[in-house]
Amino acid sequence: MAPTTLTPEELSERWKVPLATLNRWRWTGTGPEFMKLGKHIVYRIRDVEKFEEQKVRRDTTCIGFIESIEKGIIKRGV
């Protein structure tokens, strides 16, 4: 059975970002959703993939579709 979660260390390696960045994102709520099991932090792979999908851009000035909806730039159903 394939793993369904990643540790912060595994996600840090996957994205090539420092653990401190993931820690800061958890603190500020700007990173992917995570679960805290006792003192252990894990990321569900489905949440990581959802976060990655939301970060896809066409160019460096483009904000994501979800962010556009959240900021009211694009209206749902329009």
Protein backbone atom coordinates (compact mmCIF):
# COMPACT_ATOMS: atom_id res chain seq x y z
CA MET A 1 0.00 0.00 0.00
CA ALA A 2 1.37 3.41 -0.98
CA PRO A 3 1.96 5.96 1.79
CA THR A 4 -0.79 8.55 2.21
CA THR A 5 1.14 11.07 4.31
CA LEU A 6 4.47 12.89 4.29
CA THR A 7 6.51 14.07 7.24
CA PRO A 8 7.77 17.67 7.21
CA GLU A 9 11.22 16.29 6.36
CA GLU A 10 9.84 14.37 3.37
CA LEU A 11 7.88 17.39 2.12
CA SER A 12 10.93 19.61 2.60
CA GLU A 13 12.92 17.23 0.42
CA ARG A 14 10.12 16.95 -2.17
CA TRP A 15 9.89 20.73 -2.59
CA LYS A 16 13.55 21.54 -1.88
CA VAL A 17 12.56 24.10 0.78
CA PRO A 18 14.01 24.41 4.29
CA LEU A 19 12.09 22.89 7.20
CA ALA A 20 11.97 26.40 8.65
CA THR A 21 9.86 27.47 5.66
CA LEU A 22 7.32 24.72 6.30
CA ASN A 23 7.30 25.64 10.00
CA ARG A 24 6.60 29.29 9.13
CA TRP A 25 3.87 28.35 6.66
CA ARG A 26 2.16 26.23 9.35
CA TRP A 27 2.41 29.12 11.81
CA THR A 28 1.00 31.68 9.35
CA GLY A 29 -1.50 29.32 7.70
CA THR A 30 -0.07 29.91 4.22
CA GLY A 31 1.09 26.37 3.43
CA PRO A 32 -0.76 23.15 2.73
CA GLU A 33 -3.16 21.75 5.29
CA PHE A 34 -1.56 19.43 7.81
CA MET A 35 -2.51 17.13 10.64
CA LYS A 36 -1.06 17.16 14.12
CA LEU A 37 -1.10 13.72 15.70
CA GLY A 38 0.10 14.19 19.25
CA LYS A 39 3.42 15.95 18.80
CA HIS A 40 3.85 14.71 15.22
CA ILE A 41 3.06 16.76 12.11
CA VAL A 42 2.08 15.01 8.87
CA TYR A 43 0.82 16.22 5.52
CA ARG A 44 -1.75 14.18 3.62
CA ILE A 45 -0.53 13.66 0.06
CA ARG A 46 -3.92 14.71 -1.31
CA ASP A 47 -3.60 18.07 0.52
CA VAL A 48 -0.05 18.53 -0.76
CA GLU A 49 -1.17 17.82 -4.33
CA LYS A 50 -4.12 20.20 -3.96
CA PHE A 51 -1.77 22.92 -2.70
CA GLU A 52 0.62 22.27 -5.62
CA GLU A 53 -2.25 22.50 -8.11
CA GLN A 54 -3.33 25.85 -6.65
CA LYS A 55 0.20 27.19 -7.17
CA VAL A 56 0.34 26.49 -10.93
CA ARG A 57 0.83 29.71 -12.88
CA ARG A 58 0.88 30.66 -16.53
CA ASP A 59 3.35 33.52 -15.95
CA THR A 60 5.00 35.35 -13.06
CA THR A 61 2.31 38.04 -12.87
CA CYS A 62 -0.63 35.63 -12.85
CA ILE A 63 -2.42 34.85 -9.60
CA GLY A 64 -4.17 31.52 -9.37
CA PHE A 65 -7.80 30.91 -10.23
CA ILE A 66 -8.76 30.00 -6.65
CA GLU A 67 -7.00 33.11 -5.31
CA SER A 68 -8.84 35.22 -7.91
CA ILE A 69 -12.18 33.90 -6.69
CA GLU A 70 -11.22 34.42 -3.04
CA LYS A 71 -10.16 38.02 -3.74
CA GLY A 72 -13.35 38.73 -5.69
CA ILE A 73 -11.47 39.30 -8.96
CA ILE A 74 -13.42 36.50 -10.63
CA LYS A 75 -17.00 35.74 -9.64
CA ARG A 76 -18.20 32.15 -9.42
CA GLY A 77 -20.48 31.17 -12.29
CA VAL A 78 -19.40 34.08 -14.49
